[in-house]
Amino acid sequence: YNRFAGATGKPALEGSPEMPAGNVNFEEAAAYCTWAGKHIPTGEEWEKAARGATGRAYPWGNEPDATKGNFKGNPASAGKAMAVDSMPESATPEGLLHVAGNVWEWTRDPQKPSAE
């Protein structure tokens, strides 16, 4: 995100580059995605990435486990954002990290989580 900010004259985010980009509004996130040749995912795209082709209940599998995400009840999280490459044990089989917990993500459309 800070490379985008530098290239477009926007203010850089404070903090470590290992941390997720936080306090970015929708318009800023959309501009970043356009600059990077990407798009903000739809809610369905985000959920498909998190659940995978098999439709897992959780990114890591079908059993709840508060220790596999930056969630309340996980002593490792300390109630604050964690580095984007932390908690590899919670990765999806496809290798995505922190698709449950950590910081909120933008989607292009309002989406309520499905029960499926």
PDB file of N, CA and C in Angstrom:
ATOM      1  N   TYR A   1       0.832  -1.192   0.000  1.00  0.00           N
ATOM      2  CA  TYR A   1       0.000   0.000   0.000  1.00  0.00           C
ATOM      3  C   TYR A   1       0.872   1.250   0.000  1.00  0.00           C
ATOM      4  N   ASN A   2       1.977   1.210   0.736  1.00  0.00           N
ATOM      5  CA  ASN A   2       2.822   2.402   0.780  1.00  0.00           C
ATOM      6  C   ASN A   2       3.523   2.686  -0.548  1.00  0.00           C
ATOM      7  N   ARG A   3       3.788   1.648  -1.354  1.00  0.00           N
ATOM      8  CA  ARG A   3       4.310   1.904  -2.705  1.00  0.00           C
ATOM      9  C   ARG A   3       3.260   2.660  -3.526  1.00  0.00           C
ATOM     10  N   PHE A   4       2.005   2.253  -3.398  1.00  0.00           N
ATOM     11  CA  PHE A   4       0.895   2.950  -4.057  1.00  0.00           C
ATOM     12  C   PHE A   4       0.819   4.392  -3.562  1.00  0.00           C
ATOM     13  N   ALA A   5       0.888   4.580  -2.256  1.00  0.00           N
ATOM     14  CA  ALA A   5       0.806   5.932  -1.692  1.00  0.00           C
ATOM     15  C   ALA A   5       1.916   6.815  -2.249  1.00  0.00           C
ATOM     16  N   GLY A   6       3.139   6.300  -2.295  1.00  0.00           N
ATOM     17  CA  GLY A   6       4.251   7.075  -2.827  1.00  0.00           C
ATOM     18  C   GLY A   6       4.084   7.412  -4.300  1.00  0.00           C
ATOM     19  N   ALA A   7       3.557   6.470  -5.060  1.00  0.00           N
ATOM     20  CA  ALA A   7       3.379   6.674  -6.502  1.00  0.00           C
ATOM     21  C   ALA A   7       2.254   7.633  -6.825  1.00  0.00           C
ATOM     22  N   THR A   8       1.298   7.784  -5.918  1.00  0.00           N
ATOM     23  CA  THR A   8       0.119   8.605  -6.200  1.00  0.00           C
ATOM     24  C   THR A   8       0.040   9.864  -5.341  1.00  0.00           C
ATOM     25  N   GLY A   9       1.051  10.090  -4.515  1.00  0.00           N
ATOM     26  CA  GLY A   9       1.069  11.297  -3.694  1.00  0.00           C
ATOM     27  C   GLY A   9       0.150  11.247  -2.487  1.00  0.00           C
ATOM     28  N   LYS A  10      -0.298  10.064  -2.123  1.00  0.00           N
ATOM     29  CA  LYS A  10      -1.148   9.917  -0.936  1.00  0.00           C
ATOM     30  C   LYS A  10      -0.259   9.693   0.284  1.00  0.00           C
ATOM     31  N   PRO A  11      -0.756   9.975   1.471  1.00  0.00           N
ATOM     32  CA  PRO A  11       0.079   9.744   2.658  1.00  0.00           C
ATOM     33  C   PRO A  11       0.311   8.251   2.894  1.00  0.00           C
ATOM     34  N   ALA A  12       1.524   7.913   3.281  1.00  0.00           N
ATOM     35  CA  ALA A  12       1.871   6.532   3.609  1.00  0.00           C
ATOM     36  C   ALA A  12       1.250   6.157   4.949  1.00  0.00           C
ATOM     37  N   LEU A  13       1.053   4.873   5.132  1.00  0.00           N
ATOM     38  CA  LEU A  13       0.555   4.369   6.412  1.00  0.00           C
ATOM     39  C   LEU A  13       1.723   4.217   7.367  1.00  0.00           C
ATOM     40  N   GLU A  14       1.479   4.498   8.624  1.00  0.00           N
ATOM     41  CA  GLU A  14       2.509   4.310   9.639  1.00  0.00           C
ATOM     42  C   GLU A  14       2.568   2.845  10.027  1.00  0.00           C
ATOM     43  N   GLY A  15       3.708   2.429  10.514  1.00  0.00           N
ATOM     44  CA  GLY A  15       3.836   1.073  11.007  1.00  0.00           C
ATOM     45  C   GLY A  15       4.706   0.214  10.123  1.00  0.00           C
ATOM     46  N   SER A  16       4.836  -1.004  10.529  1.00  0.00           N
ATOM     47  CA  SER A  16       5.691  -1.983   9.872  1.00  0.00           C
ATOM     48  C   SER A  16       5.061  -2.486   8.585  1.00  0.00           C
ATOM     49  N   PRO A  17       5.872  -2.738   7.551  1.00  0.00           N
ATOM     50  CA  PRO A  17       5.312  -3.283   6.305  1.00  0.00           C
ATOM     51  C   PRO A  17       4.766  -4.700   6.460  1.00  0.00           C
ATOM     52  N   GLU A  18       5.077  -5.370   7.557  1.00  0.00           N
ATOM     53  CA  GLU A  18       4.546  -6.711   7.798  1.00  0.00           C
ATOM     54  C   GLU A  18       3.120  -6.681   8.334  1.00  0.00           C
ATOM     55  N   MET A  19       2.652  -5.501   8.704  1.00  0.00           N
ATOM     56  CA  MET A  19       1.309  -5.376   9.264  1.00  0.00           C
ATOM     57  C   MET A  19       0.291  -5.110   8.162  1.00  0.00           C
ATOM     58  N   PRO A  20      -0.956  -5.557   8.371  1.00  0.00           N
ATOM     59  CA  PRO A  20      -1.980  -5.277   7.359  1.00  0.00           C
ATOM     60  C   PRO A  20      -2.247  -3.777   7.259  1.00  0.00           C
ATOM     61  N   ALA A  21      -2.654  -3.346   6.085  1.00  0.00           N
ATOM     62  CA  ALA A  21      -3.016  -1.942   5.886  1.00  0.00           C
ATOM     63  C   ALA A  21      -4.335  -1.696   6.609  1.00  0.00           C
ATOM     64  N   GLY A  22      -4.309  -0.893   7.630  1.00  0.00           N
ATOM     65  CA  GLY A  22      -5.513  -0.586   8.402  1.00  0.00           C
ATOM     66  C   GLY A  22      -5.897   0.868   8.253  1.00  0.00           C
ATOM     67  N   ASN A  23      -7.103   1.186   8.664  1.00  0.00           N
ATOM     68  CA  ASN A  23      -7.619   2.547   8.589  1.00  0.00           C
ATOM     69  C   ASN A  23      -7.583   3.087   7.160  1.00  0.00           C
ATOM     70  N   VAL A  24      -7.914   2.216   6.213  1.00  0.00           N
ATOM     71  CA  VAL A  24      -8.021   2.588   4.804  1.00  0.00           C
ATOM     72  C   VAL A  24      -9.498   2.542   4.452  1.00  0.00           C
ATOM     73  N   ASN A  25     -10.033   3.651   3.951  1.00  0.00           N
ATOM     74  CA  ASN A  25     -11.460   3.649   3.624  1.00  0.00           C
ATOM     75  C   ASN A  25     -11.697   2.954   2.278  1.00  0.00           C
ATOM     76  N   PHE A  26     -12.957   2.765   1.948  1.00  0.00           N
ATOM     77  CA  PHE A  26     -13.308   2.020   0.744  1.00  0.00           C
ATOM     78  C   PHE A  26     -12.722   2.659  -0.507  1.00  0.00           C
ATOM     79  N   GLU A  27     -12.828   3.970  -0.622  1.00  0.00           N
ATOM     80  CA  GLU A  27     -12.330   4.654  -1.810  1.00  0.00           C
ATOM     81  C   GLU A  27     -10.819   4.483  -1.937  1.00  0.00           C
ATOM     82  N   GLU A  28     -10.090   4.575  -0.824  1.00  0.00           N
ATOM     83  CA  GLU A  28      -8.642   4.374  -0.857  1.00  0.00           C
ATOM     84  C   GLU A  28      -8.300   2.932  -1.242  1.00  0.00           C
ATOM     85  N   ALA A  29      -9.041   1.981  -0.694  1.00  0.00           N
ATOM     86  CA  ALA A  29      -8.802   0.574  -1.020  1.00  0.00           C
ATOM     87  C   ALA A  29      -9.086   0.311  -2.494  1.00  0.00           C
ATOM     88  N   ALA A  30     -10.169   0.886  -3.018  1.00  0.00           N
ATOM     89  CA  ALA A  30     -10.506   0.696  -4.433  1.00  0.00           C
ATOM     90  C   ALA A  30      -9.441   1.324  -5.329  1.00  0.00           C
ATOM     91  N   ALA A  31      -8.953   2.510  -4.971  1.00  0.00           N
ATOM     92  CA  ALA A  31      -7.902   3.160  -5.761  1.00  0.00           C
ATOM     93  C   ALA A  31      -6.627   2.328  -5.749  1.00  0.00           C
ATOM     94  N   TYR A  32      -6.274   1.790  -4.600  1.00  0.00           N
ATOM     95  CA  TYR A  32      -5.101   0.909  -4.515  1.00  0.00           C
ATOM     96  C   TYR A  32      -5.267  -0.304  -5.426  1.00  0.00           C
ATOM     97  N   CYS A  33      -6.423  -0.948  -5.358  1.00  0.00           N
ATOM     98  CA  CYS A  33      -6.663  -2.137  -6.183  1.00  0.00           C
ATOM     99  C   CYS A  33      -6.557  -1.811  -7.664  1.00  0.00           C
ATOM    100  N   THR A  34      -7.126  -0.695  -8.079  1.00  0.00           N
ATOM    101  CA  THR A  34      -7.039  -0.282  -9.480  1.00  0.00           C
ATOM    102  C   THR A  34      -5.584  -0.055  -9.862  1.00  0.00           C
ATOM    103  N   TRP A  35      -4.827   0.635  -9.015  1.00  0.00           N
ATOM    104  CA  TRP A  35      -3.412   0.895  -9.260  1.00  0.00           C
ATOM    105  C   TRP A  35      -2.635  -0.414  -9.401  1.00  0.00           C
ATOM    106  N   ALA A  36      -2.996  -1.411  -8.602  1.00  0.00           N
ATOM    107  CA  ALA A  36      -2.305  -2.704  -8.615  1.00  0.00           C
ATOM    108  C   ALA A  36      -2.836  -3.646  -9.702  1.00  0.00           C
ATOM    109  N   GLY A  37      -3.820  -3.188 -10.486  1.00  0.00           N
ATOM    110  CA  GLY A  37      -4.384  -4.036 -11.535  1.00  0.00           C
ATOM    111  C   GLY A  37      -5.305  -5.117 -10.998  1.00  0.00           C
ATOM    112  N   LYS A  38      -5.891  -4.880  -9.849  1.00  0.00           N
ATOM    113  CA  LYS A  38      -6.780  -5.848  -9.189  1.00  0.00           C
ATOM    114  C   LYS A  38      -8.128  -5.179  -8.926  1.00  0.00           C
ATOM    115  N   HIS A  39      -8.974  -5.853  -8.167  1.00  0.00           N
ATOM    116  CA  HIS A  39     -10.239  -5.253  -7.754  1.00  0.00           C
ATOM    117  C   HIS A  39     -10.574  -5.713  -6.331  1.00  0.00           C
ATOM    118  N   ILE A  40     -11.390  -4.931  -5.664  1.00  0.00           N
ATOM    119  CA  ILE A  40     -11.900  -5.364  -4.364  1.00  0.00           C
ATOM    120  C   ILE A  40     -12.837  -6.530  -4.641  1.00  0.00           C
ATOM    121  N   PRO A  41     -12.672  -7.646  -3.924  1.00  0.00           N
ATOM    122  CA  PRO A  41     -13.514  -8.801  -4.226  1.00  0.00           C
ATOM    123  C   PRO A  41     -14.967  -8.574  -3.826  1.00  0.00           C
ATOM    124  N   THR A  42     -15.841  -9.290  -4.494  1.00  0.00           N
ATOM    125  CA  THR A  42     -17.229  -9.324  -4.040  1.00  0.00           C
ATOM    126  C   THR A  42     -17.263 -10.156  -2.753  1.00  0.00           C
ATOM    127  N   GLY A  43     -18.347 -10.093  -2.040  1.00  0.00           N
ATOM    128  CA  GLY A  43     -18.497 -10.931  -0.857  1.00  0.00           C
ATOM    129  C   GLY A  43     -18.406 -12.407  -1.203  1.00  0.00           C
ATOM    130  N   GLU A  44     -18.989 -12.779  -2.335  1.00  0.00           N
ATOM    131  CA  GLU A  44     -18.929 -14.183  -2.761  1.00  0.00           C
ATOM    132  C   GLU A  44     -17.503 -14.606  -3.096  1.00  0.00           C
ATOM    133  N   GLU A  45     -16.737 -13.737  -3.748  1.00  0.00           N
ATOM    134  CA  GLU A  45     -15.339 -14.063  -4.046  1.00  0.00           C
ATOM    135  C   GLU A  45     -14.529 -14.234  -2.759  1.00  0.00           C
ATOM    136  N   TRP A  46     -14.765 -13.338  -1.796  1.00  0.00           N
ATOM    137  CA  TRP A  46     -14.032 -13.432  -0.529  1.00  0.00           C
ATOM    138  C   TRP A  46     -14.383 -14.728   0.194  1.00  0.00           C
ATOM    139  N   GLU A  47     -15.660 -15.043   0.256  1.00  0.00           N
ATOM    140  CA  GLU A  47     -16.073 -16.257   0.943  1.00  0.00           C
ATOM    141  C   GLU A  47     -15.544 -17.495   0.229  1.00  0.00           C
ATOM    142  N   LYS A  48     -15.532 -17.487  -1.082  1.00  0.00           N
ATOM    143  CA  LYS A  48     -14.990 -18.628  -1.841  1.00  0.00           C
ATOM    144  C   LYS A  48     -13.508 -18.807  -1.525  1.00  0.00           C
ATOM    145  N   ALA A  49     -12.774 -17.714  -1.442  1.00  0.00           N
ATOM    146  CA  ALA A  49     -11.349 -17.806  -1.092  1.00  0.00           C
ATOM    147  C   ALA A  49     -11.173 -18.365   0.312  1.00  0.00           C
ATOM    148  N   ALA A  50     -11.993 -17.925   1.244  1.00  0.00           N
ATOM    149  CA  ALA A  50     -11.867 -18.378   2.635  1.00  0.00           C
ATOM    150  C   ALA A  50     -12.305 -19.825   2.813  1.00  0.00           C
ATOM    151  N   ARG A  51     -13.360 -20.239   2.129  1.00  0.00           N
ATOM    152  CA  ARG A  51     -13.895 -21.596   2.300  1.00  0.00           C
ATOM    153  C   ARG A  51     -13.294 -22.605   1.333  1.00  0.00           C
ATOM    154  N   GLY A  52     -12.702 -22.132   0.246  1.00  0.00           N
ATOM    155  CA  GLY A  52     -12.077 -23.020  -0.727  1.00  0.00           C
ATOM    156  C   GLY A  52     -13.093 -23.771  -1.572  1.00  0.00           C
ATOM    157  N   ALA A  53     -12.576 -24.563  -2.473  1.00  0.00           N
ATOM    158  CA  ALA A  53     -13.412 -25.314  -3.414  1.00  0.00           C
ATOM    159  C   ALA A  53     -14.292 -26.330  -2.715  1.00  0.00           C
ATOM    160  N   THR A  54     -13.882 -26.785  -1.529  1.00  0.00           N
ATOM    161  CA  THR A  54     -14.664 -27.805  -0.817  1.00  0.00           C
ATOM    162  C   THR A  54     -15.705 -27.203   0.111  1.00  0.00           C
ATOM    163  N   GLY A  55     -15.732 -25.863   0.255  1.00  0.00           N
ATOM    164  CA  GLY A  55     -16.734 -25.226   1.104  1.00  0.00           C
ATOM    165  C   GLY A  55     -16.524 -25.464   2.589  1.00  0.00           C
ATOM    166  N   ARG A  56     -15.265 -25.443   3.020  1.00  0.00           N
ATOM    167  CA  ARG A  56     -14.968 -25.635   4.442  1.00  0.00           C
ATOM    168  C   ARG A  56     -15.765 -24.661   5.304  1.00  0.00           C
ATOM    169  N   ALA A  57     -16.056 -25.057   6.529  1.00  0.00           N
ATOM    170  CA  ALA A  57     -16.746 -24.169   7.466  1.00  0.00           C
ATOM    171  C   ALA A  57     -15.828 -23.041   7.933  1.00  0.00           C
ATOM    172  N   TYR A  58     -14.529 -23.325   8.034  1.00  0.00           N
ATOM    173  CA  TYR A  58     -13.532 -22.352   8.479  1.00  0.00           C
ATOM    174  C   TYR A  58     -12.371 -22.412   7.496  1.00  0.00           C
ATOM    175  N   PRO A  59     -11.575 -21.374   7.395  1.00  0.00           N
ATOM    176  CA  PRO A  59     -10.476 -21.411   6.436  1.00  0.00           C
ATOM    177  C   PRO A  59      -9.556 -22.628   6.583  1.00  0.00           C
ATOM    178  N   TRP A  60      -9.326 -23.069   7.800  1.00  0.00           N
ATOM    179  CA  TRP A  60      -8.393 -24.182   8.057  1.00  0.00           C
ATOM    180  C   TRP A  60      -9.065 -25.550   8.040  1.00  0.00           C
ATOM    181  N   GLY A  61     -10.367 -25.616   8.031  1.00  0.00           N
ATOM    182  CA  GLY A  61     -11.070 -26.904   8.044  1.00  0.00           C
ATOM    183  C   GLY A  61     -12.500 -26.747   8.494  1.00  0.00           C
ATOM    184  N   ASN A  62     -13.069 -27.786   9.062  1.00  0.00           N
ATOM    185  CA  ASN A  62     -14.482 -27.760   9.452  1.00  0.00           C
ATOM    186  C   ASN A  62     -14.729 -27.666  10.949  1.00  0.00           C
ATOM    187  N   GLU A  63     -13.686 -27.601  11.740  1.00  0.00           N
ATOM    188  CA  GLU A  63     -13.845 -27.509  13.190  1.00  0.00           C
ATOM    189  C   GLU A  63     -13.443 -26.128  13.685  1.00  0.00           C
ATOM    190  N   PRO A  64     -14.248 -25.514  14.564  1.00  0.00           N
ATOM    191  CA  PRO A  64     -13.856 -24.208  15.113  1.00  0.00           C
ATOM    192  C   PRO A  64     -12.598 -24.354  15.974  1.00  0.00           C
ATOM    193  N   ASP A  65     -11.745 -23.348  15.940  1.00  0.00           N
ATOM    194  CA  ASP A  65     -10.522 -23.354  16.735  1.00  0.00           C
ATOM    195  C   ASP A  65     -10.054 -21.914  16.893  1.00  0.00           C
ATOM    196  N   ALA A  66     -10.347 -21.307  18.047  1.00  0.00           N
ATOM    197  CA  ALA A  66     -10.005 -19.901  18.285  1.00  0.00           C
ATOM    198  C   ALA A  66      -8.504 -19.654  18.278  1.00  0.00           C
ATOM    199  N   THR A  67      -7.692 -20.704  18.389  1.00  0.00           N
ATOM    200  CA  THR A  67      -6.245 -20.514  18.350  1.00  0.00           C
ATOM    201  C   THR A  67      -5.714 -20.383  16.934  1.00  0.00           C
ATOM    202  N   LYS A  68      -6.567 -20.563  15.935  1.00  0.00           N
ATOM    203  CA  LYS A  68      -6.126 -20.480  14.547  1.00  0.00           C
ATOM    204  C   LYS A  68      -6.503 -19.161  13.886  1.00  0.00           C
ATOM    205  N   GLY A  69      -6.745 -18.164  14.679  1.00  0.00           N
ATOM    206  CA  GLY A  69      -7.042 -16.850  14.129  1.00  0.00           C
ATOM    207  C   GLY A  69      -6.832 -15.793  15.175  1.00  0.00           C
ATOM    208  N   ASN A  70      -6.800 -14.565  14.743  1.00  0.00           N
ATOM    209  CA  ASN A  70      -6.663 -13.432  15.653  1.00  0.00           C
ATOM    210  C   ASN A  70      -8.048 -13.109  16.190  1.00  0.00           C
ATOM    211  N   PHE A  71      -8.488 -13.935  17.142  1.00  0.00           N
ATOM    212  CA  PHE A  71      -9.824 -13.860  17.715  1.00  0.00           C
ATOM    213  C   PHE A  71      -9.757 -13.621  19.208  1.00  0.00           C
ATOM    214  N   LYS A  72     -10.835 -13.089  19.749  1.00  0.00           N
ATOM    215  CA  LYS A  72     -10.992 -13.032  21.190  1.00  0.00           C
ATOM    216  C   LYS A  72     -10.935 -14.472  21.704  1.00  0.00           C
ATOM    217  N   GLY A  73     -10.197 -14.682  22.728  1.00  0.00           N
ATOM    218  CA  GLY A  73     -10.049 -16.023  23.272  1.00  0.00           C
ATOM    219  C   GLY A  73      -8.759 -16.694  22.847  1.00  0.00           C
ATOM    220  N   ASN A  74      -8.034 -16.080  21.945  1.00  0.00           N
ATOM    221  CA  ASN A  74      -6.733 -16.623  21.547  1.00  0.00           C
ATOM    222  C   ASN A  74      -5.657 -15.824  22.266  1.00  0.00           C
ATOM    223  N   PRO A  75      -4.975 -16.431  23.233  1.00  0.00           N
ATOM    224  CA  PRO A  75      -3.967 -15.682  23.986  1.00  0.00           C
ATOM    225  C   PRO A  75      -2.828 -15.155  23.116  1.00  0.00           C
ATOM    226  N   ALA A  76      -2.587 -15.740  21.949  1.00  0.00           N
ATOM    227  CA  ALA A  76      -1.502 -15.282  21.080  1.00  0.00           C
ATOM    228  C   ALA A  76      -1.823 -13.954  20.404  1.00  0.00           C
ATOM    229  N   SER A  77      -3.095 -13.589  20.312  1.00  0.00           N
ATOM    230  CA  SER A  77      -3.451 -12.401  19.539  1.00  0.00           C
ATOM    231  C   SER A  77      -3.291 -11.099  20.302  1.00  0.00           C
ATOM    232  N   ALA A  78      -3.406 -11.116  21.589  1.00  0.00           N
ATOM    233  CA  ALA A  78      -3.253  -9.920  22.431  1.00  0.00           C
ATOM    234  C   ALA A  78      -4.197  -8.782  22.050  1.00  0.00           C
ATOM    235  N   GLY A  79      -5.263  -9.079  21.330  1.00  0.00           N
ATOM    236  CA  GLY A  79      -6.273  -8.067  21.033  1.00  0.00           C
ATOM    237  C   GLY A  79      -5.845  -6.977  20.078  1.00  0.00           C
ATOM    238  N   LYS A  80      -4.846  -7.221  19.238  1.00  0.00           N
ATOM    239  CA  LYS A  80      -4.421  -6.214  18.265  1.00  0.00           C
ATOM    240  C   LYS A  80      -4.070  -6.908  16.957  1.00  0.00           C
ATOM    241  N   ALA A  81      -3.938  -6.117  15.900  1.00  0.00           N
ATOM    242  CA  ALA A  81      -3.611  -6.677  14.598  1.00  0.00           C
ATOM    243  C   ALA A  81      -2.274  -7.403  14.653  1.00  0.00           C
ATOM    244  N   MET A  82      -2.179  -8.455  13.845  1.00  0.00           N
ATOM    245  CA  MET A  82      -0.965  -9.258  13.783  1.00  0.00           C
ATOM    246  C   MET A  82      -0.358  -9.166  12.382  1.00  0.00           C
ATOM    247  N   ALA A  83       0.933  -9.460  12.279  1.00  0.00           N
ATOM    248  CA  ALA A  83       1.624  -9.433  10.983  1.00  0.00           C
ATOM    249  C   ALA A  83       0.904 -10.332   9.980  1.00  0.00           C
ATOM    250  N   VAL A  84       0.940  -9.930   8.722  1.00  0.00           N
ATOM    251  CA  VAL A  84       0.197 -10.648   7.693  1.00  0.00           C
ATOM    252  C   VAL A  84       0.700 -12.065   7.476  1.00  0.00           C
ATOM    253  N   ASP A  85       1.950 -12.349   7.816  1.00  0.00           N
ATOM    254  CA  ASP A  85       2.486 -13.697   7.630  1.00  0.00           C
ATOM    255  C   ASP A  85       2.513 -14.515   8.916  1.00  0.00           C
ATOM    256  N   SER A  86       1.836 -14.027   9.951  1.00  0.00           N
ATOM    257  CA  SER A  86       1.796 -14.758  11.217  1.00  0.00           C
ATOM    258  C   SER A  86       0.742 -15.860  11.166  1.00  0.00           C
ATOM    259  N   MET A  87       0.805 -16.760  12.102  1.00  0.00           N
ATOM    260  CA  MET A  87      -0.139 -17.859  12.267  1.00  0.00           C
ATOM    261  C   MET A  87      -0.238 -18.767  11.044  1.00  0.00           C
ATOM    262  N   PRO A  88       0.892 -19.278  10.543  1.00  0.00           N
ATOM    263  CA  PRO A  88       0.823 -20.154   9.372  1.00  0.00           C
ATOM    264  C   PRO A  88      -0.007 -21.415   9.606  1.00  0.00           C
ATOM    265  N   GLU A  89      -0.189 -21.792  10.858  1.00  0.00           N
ATOM    266  CA  GLU A  89      -1.007 -22.972  11.160  1.00  0.00           C
ATOM    267  C   GLU A  89      -2.482 -22.757  10.832  1.00  0.00           C
ATOM    268  N   SER A  90      -2.878 -21.519  10.618  1.00  0.00           N
ATOM    269  CA  SER A  90      -4.273 -21.233  10.287  1.00  0.00           C
ATOM    270  C   SER A  90      -4.488 -21.043   8.793  1.00  0.00           C
ATOM    271  N   ALA A  91      -3.458 -21.249   7.992  1.00  0.00           N
ATOM    272  CA  ALA A  91      -3.566 -21.041   6.544  1.00  0.00           C
ATOM    273  C   ALA A  91      -4.602 -21.978   5.926  1.00  0.00           C
ATOM    274  N   THR A  92      -5.225 -21.498   4.885  1.00  0.00           N
ATOM    275  CA  THR A  92      -6.098 -22.364   4.105  1.00  0.00           C
ATOM    276  C   THR A  92      -5.218 -23.381   3.378  1.00  0.00           C
ATOM    277  N   PRO A  93      -5.781 -24.490   2.908  1.00  0.00           N
ATOM    278  CA  PRO A  93      -4.978 -25.422   2.115  1.00  0.00           C
ATOM    279  C   PRO A  93      -4.356 -24.747   0.883  1.00  0.00           C
ATOM    280  N   GLU A  94      -4.975 -23.655   0.432  1.00  0.00           N
ATOM    281  CA  GLU A  94      -4.451 -22.925  -0.718  1.00  0.00           C
ATOM    282  C   GLU A  94      -3.345 -21.940  -0.328  1.00  0.00           C
ATOM    283  N   GLY A  95      -3.113 -21.771   0.988  1.00  0.00           N
ATOM    284  CA  GLY A  95      -2.028 -20.920   1.469  1.00  0.00           C
ATOM    285  C   GLY A  95      -2.408 -19.520   1.906  1.00  0.00           C
ATOM    286  N   LEU A  96      -3.697 -19.186   1.951  1.00  0.00           N
ATOM    287  CA  LEU A  96      -4.105 -17.855   2.394  1.00  0.00           C
ATOM    288  C   LEU A  96      -4.034 -17.759   3.918  1.00  0.00           C
ATOM    289  N   LEU A  97      -3.564 -16.626   4.406  1.00  0.00           N
ATOM    290  CA  LEU A  97      -3.464 -16.384   5.850  1.00  0.00           C
ATOM    291  C   LEU A  97      -4.435 -15.298   6.273  1.00  0.00           C
ATOM    292  N   HIS A  98      -4.937 -15.402   7.479  1.00  0.00           N
ATOM    293  CA  HIS A  98      -5.783 -14.386   8.119  1.00  0.00           C
ATOM    294  C   HIS A  98      -7.043 -14.050   7.317  1.00  0.00           C
ATOM    295  N   VAL A  99      -7.682 -15.048   6.744  1.00  0.00           N
ATOM    296  CA  VAL A  99      -8.961 -14.781   6.093  1.00  0.00           C
ATOM    297  C   VAL A  99     -10.107 -14.931   7.087  1.00  0.00           C
ATOM    298  N   ALA A 100      -9.773 -15.216   8.330  1.00  0.00           N
ATOM    299  CA  ALA A 100     -10.725 -15.159   9.448  1.00  0.00           C
ATOM    300  C   ALA A 100      -9.954 -14.543  10.608  1.00  0.00           C
ATOM    301  N   GLY A 101     -10.477 -13.488  11.145  1.00  0.00           N
ATOM    302  CA  GLY A 101      -9.779 -12.797  12.219  1.00  0.00           C
ATOM    303  C   GLY A 101      -8.809 -11.764  11.675  1.00  0.00           C
ATOM    304  N   ASN A 102      -8.106 -11.129  12.562  1.00  0.00           N
ATOM    305  CA  ASN A 102      -7.108 -10.088  12.314  1.00  0.00           C
ATOM    306  C   ASN A 102      -7.785  -8.754  12.019  1.00  0.00           C
ATOM    307  N   VAL A 103      -7.833  -8.297  10.768  1.00  0.00           N
ATOM    308  CA  VAL A 103      -8.475  -7.021  10.459  1.00  0.00           C
ATOM    309  C   VAL A 103      -9.629  -7.259   9.490  1.00  0.00           C
ATOM    310  N   TRP A 104     -10.554  -6.329   9.455  1.00  0.00           N
ATOM    311  CA  TRP A 104     -11.683  -6.430   8.541  1.00  0.00           C
ATOM    312  C   TRP A 104     -11.221  -6.167   7.120  1.00  0.00           C
ATOM    313  N   GLU A 105     -11.869  -6.800   6.163  1.00  0.00           N
ATOM    314  CA  GLU A 105     -11.563  -6.608   4.760  1.00  0.00           C
ATOM    315  C   GLU A 105     -12.757  -5.975   4.056  1.00  0.00           C
ATOM    316  N   TRP A 106     -12.461  -5.184   3.045  1.00  0.00           N
ATOM    317  CA  TRP A 106     -13.510  -4.598   2.229  1.00  0.00           C
ATOM    318  C   TRP A 106     -13.976  -5.603   1.180  1.00  0.00           C
ATOM    319  N   THR A 107     -15.259  -5.581   0.882  1.00  0.00           N
ATOM    320  CA  THR A 107     -15.801  -6.282  -0.273  1.00  0.00           C
ATOM    321  C   THR A 107     -16.615  -5.277  -1.077  1.00  0.00           C
ATOM    322  N   ARG A 108     -16.834  -5.580  -2.341  1.00  0.00           N
ATOM    323  CA  ARG A 108     -17.548  -4.641  -3.221  1.00  0.00           C
ATOM    324  C   ARG A 108     -19.025  -4.533  -2.918  1.00  0.00           C
ATOM    325  N   ASP A 109     -19.583  -5.504  -2.253  1.00  0.00           N
ATOM    326  CA  ASP A 109     -21.014  -5.476  -2.013  1.00  0.00           C
ATOM    327  C   ASP A 109     -21.292  -5.940  -0.589  1.00  0.00           C
ATOM    328  N   PRO A 110     -22.406  -5.472  -0.030  1.00  0.00           N
ATOM    329  CA  PRO A 110     -22.745  -5.960   1.313  1.00  0.00           C
ATOM    330  C   PRO A 110     -23.012  -7.455   1.258  1.00  0.00           C
ATOM    331  N   GLN A 111     -22.427  -8.198   2.163  1.00  0.00           N
ATOM    332  CA  GLN A 111     -22.590  -9.659   2.161  1.00  0.00           C
ATOM    333  C   GLN A 111     -22.680 -10.132   3.600  1.00  0.00           C
ATOM    334  N   LYS A 112     -23.716 -10.876   3.871  1.00  0.00           N
ATOM    335  CA  LYS A 112     -23.825 -11.517   5.171  1.00  0.00           C
ATOM    336  C   LYS A 112     -23.233 -12.913   5.048  1.00  0.00           C
ATOM    337  N   PRO A 113     -22.500 -13.376   6.061  1.00  0.00           N
ATOM    338  CA  PRO A 113     -21.947 -14.728   5.968  1.00  0.00           C
ATOM    339  C   PRO A 113     -23.053 -15.759   5.789  1.00  0.00           C
ATOM    340  N   SER A 114     -22.803 -16.729   4.946  1.00  0.00           N
ATOM    341  CA  SER A 114     -23.788 -17.762   4.750  1.00  0.00           C
ATOM    342  C   SER A 114     -23.609 -18.867   5.768  1.00  0.00           C
ATOM    343  N   ALA A 115     -24.625 -19.644   5.967  1.00  0.00           N
ATOM    344  CA  ALA A 115     -24.544 -20.762   6.910  1.00  0.00           C
ATOM    345  C   ALA A 115     -23.984 -22.010   6.237  1.00  0.00           C
ATOM    346  N   GLU A 116     -23.754 -21.946   4.948  1.00  0.00           N
ATOM    347  CA  GLU A 116     -23.264 -23.104   4.199  1.00  0.00           C
ATOM    348  C   GLU A 116     -21.778 -23.070   4.006  1.00  0.00           C
TER     349      GLU A 116
END
